[in-house]
Amino acid sequence: MKHILTTLMLCVSSLGFSQDTLQIPALELEEFFLALDTLETQDSIKTVLITELEKQIAFHKELNDHNDLLLRYRDEEIELLNEQINLHLDYINSVDKWYKKPWVGVVGGFVGTIVLINTIEYTLPD
């Protein structure tokens, strides 16, 4: 019963909806295919451009990574140089200065006194 009903419905539907053929002028059809070829060419060119731009993006990302690395190295170098300067200043402050030694003060005082006496021509009272 199912098969008979299906066959009957197919026959009725094929009679009711027959397809008509559409006549397209050859000139319009040729223009359509020319436009289609143009679009395919443009698509392939744009695909090549997209791949080239993706390569450029990858290159710029790599360049950015290199710049970041260089900046980190530069910051580390600055930090190490500042540390070296501080260590050198600490070394200079820790080394005995010649003018901080006691004998320099004694000799300086003795020489200063002699120079002062000779300068003002001071004589001791008799």
Protein backbone atom coordinates (compact mmCIF):
# COMPACT_ATOMS: atom_id res chain seq x y z
CA MET A 1 0.00 0.00 0.00
CA LYS A 2 2.84 2.34 0.83
CA HIS A 3 4.59 1.67 -2.46
CA ILE A 4 1.44 2.22 -4.48
CA LEU A 5 0.78 5.51 -2.75
CA THR A 6 4.39 6.66 -3.31
CA THR A 7 4.26 5.75 -7.00
CA LEU A 8 0.96 7.58 -7.44
CA MET A 9 2.35 10.73 -5.74
CA LEU A 10 5.45 10.70 -7.96
CA CYS A 11 3.35 10.49 -11.09
CA VAL A 12 1.11 13.36 -10.04
CA SER A 13 4.05 15.54 -8.96
CA SER A 14 5.95 14.99 -12.21
CA LEU A 15 2.92 16.05 -14.26
CA GLY A 16 2.26 19.16 -12.19
CA PHE A 17 5.79 20.59 -12.00
CA SER A 18 7.41 20.12 -15.36
CA GLN A 19 10.55 22.18 -15.92
CA ASP A 20 10.77 24.79 -18.62
CA THR A 21 14.01 25.46 -20.43
CA LEU A 22 15.38 28.97 -20.34
CA GLN A 23 17.06 30.43 -23.40
CA ILE A 24 20.15 32.53 -22.50
CA PRO A 25 21.75 34.51 -25.30
CA ALA A 26 25.29 33.42 -26.15
CA LEU A 27 26.63 36.96 -25.69
CA GLU A 28 25.37 37.16 -22.11
CA LEU A 29 26.71 33.68 -21.41
CA GLU A 30 30.12 34.64 -22.81
CA GLU A 31 30.18 37.85 -20.73
CA PHE A 32 29.30 35.82 -17.65
CA PHE A 33 32.18 33.41 -18.21
CA LEU A 34 34.57 36.32 -18.90
CA ALA A 35 33.48 37.94 -15.64
CA LEU A 36 33.94 34.59 -13.89
CA ASP A 37 37.49 34.26 -15.31
CA THR A 38 38.26 37.82 -14.19
CA LEU A 39 37.03 37.06 -10.68
CA GLU A 40 39.12 33.87 -10.56
CA THR A 41 42.22 35.83 -11.61
CA GLN A 42 41.54 38.52 -9.02
CA ASP A 43 40.99 35.85 -6.39
CA SER A 44 44.31 34.17 -7.15
CA ILE A 45 46.13 37.54 -7.07
CA LYS A 46 44.51 38.41 -3.76
CA THR A 47 45.41 34.99 -2.39
CA VAL A 48 49.06 35.64 -3.27
CA LEU A 49 48.84 39.09 -1.65
CA ILE A 50 47.34 37.59 1.49
CA THR A 51 50.14 35.03 1.79
CA GLU A 52 52.76 37.76 1.27
CA LEU A 53 51.12 39.94 3.92
CA GLU A 54 51.01 36.99 6.32
CA LYS A 55 54.75 36.51 5.74
CA GLN A 56 55.33 40.20 6.46
CA ILE A 57 53.31 39.95 9.65
CA ALA A 58 55.39 36.96 10.76
CA PHE A 59 58.59 38.87 9.91
CA HIS A 60 57.48 41.93 11.88
CA LYS A 61 56.56 39.75 14.87
CA GLU A 62 60.01 38.18 14.76
CA LEU A 63 61.60 41.63 14.45
CA ASN A 64 59.57 42.81 17.42
CA ASP A 65 60.78 39.83 19.45
CA HIS A 66 64.39 40.68 18.53
CA ASN A 67 63.84 44.30 19.57
CA ASP A 68 62.37 43.21 22.89
CA LEU A 69 65.35 40.95 23.46
CA LEU A 70 67.78 43.77 22.62
CA LEU A 71 65.98 46.11 25.01
CA ARG A 72 66.15 43.51 27.79
CA TYR A 73 69.89 43.05 27.16
CA ARG A 74 70.37 46.83 27.17
CA ASP A 75 68.49 47.17 30.47
CA GLU A 76 70.57 44.37 31.98
CA GLU A 77 73.76 46.01 30.71
CA ILE A 78 72.75 49.34 32.27
CA GLU A 79 71.96 47.62 35.55
CA LEU A 80 75.32 45.82 35.57
CA LEU A 81 77.20 49.02 34.72
CA ASN A 82 75.44 50.88 37.55
CA GLU A 83 76.35 48.06 39.91
CA GLN A 84 79.97 48.23 38.72
CA ILE A 85 80.02 52.00 39.31
CA ASN A 86 78.66 51.53 42.83
CA LEU A 87 81.25 48.84 43.55
CA HIS A 88 84.02 51.10 42.25
CA LEU A 89 82.81 54.00 44.40
CA ASP A 90 82.72 51.70 47.44
CA TYR A 91 86.28 50.60 46.64
CA ILE A 92 87.44 54.21 46.35
CA ASN A 93 85.83 55.09 49.68
CA SER A 94 87.33 52.07 51.39
CA VAL A 95 90.91 52.71 50.22
CA ASP A 96 93.01 54.80 52.62
CA LYS A 97 93.50 58.28 51.31
CA TRP A 98 96.94 59.83 51.56
CA TYR A 99 95.54 62.90 53.23
CA LYS A 100 93.81 60.87 55.94
CA LYS A 101 97.05 59.41 57.32
CA PRO A 102 98.39 60.84 60.63
CA TRP A 103 101.95 61.52 59.44
CA VAL A 104 100.59 63.70 56.62
CA GLY A 105 98.89 65.92 59.23
CA VAL A 106 102.04 66.20 61.32
CA VAL A 107 104.26 67.05 58.35
CA GLY A 108 101.65 69.46 56.97
CA GLY A 109 101.36 71.24 60.31
CA PHE A 110 105.14 71.52 60.71
CA VAL A 111 105.68 72.81 57.15
CA GLY A 112 102.70 75.16 57.45
CA THR A 113 104.06 76.64 60.65
CA ILE A 114 107.53 77.19 59.12
CA VAL A 115 106.03 78.82 56.02
CA LEU A 116 103.82 81.07 58.18
CA ILE A 117 106.76 82.17 60.35
CA ASN A 118 108.89 82.97 57.30
CA THR A 119 106.06 84.74 55.54
CA ILE A 120 105.24 87.20 58.32
CA GLU A 121 108.88 87.32 59.46
CA TYR A 122 107.90 86.51 62.97
CA THR A 123 110.70 86.23 65.51
CA LEU A 124 110.50 84.94 69.01
CA PRO A 125 111.02 87.51 71.75
CA ASP A 126 114.50 87.58 73.39
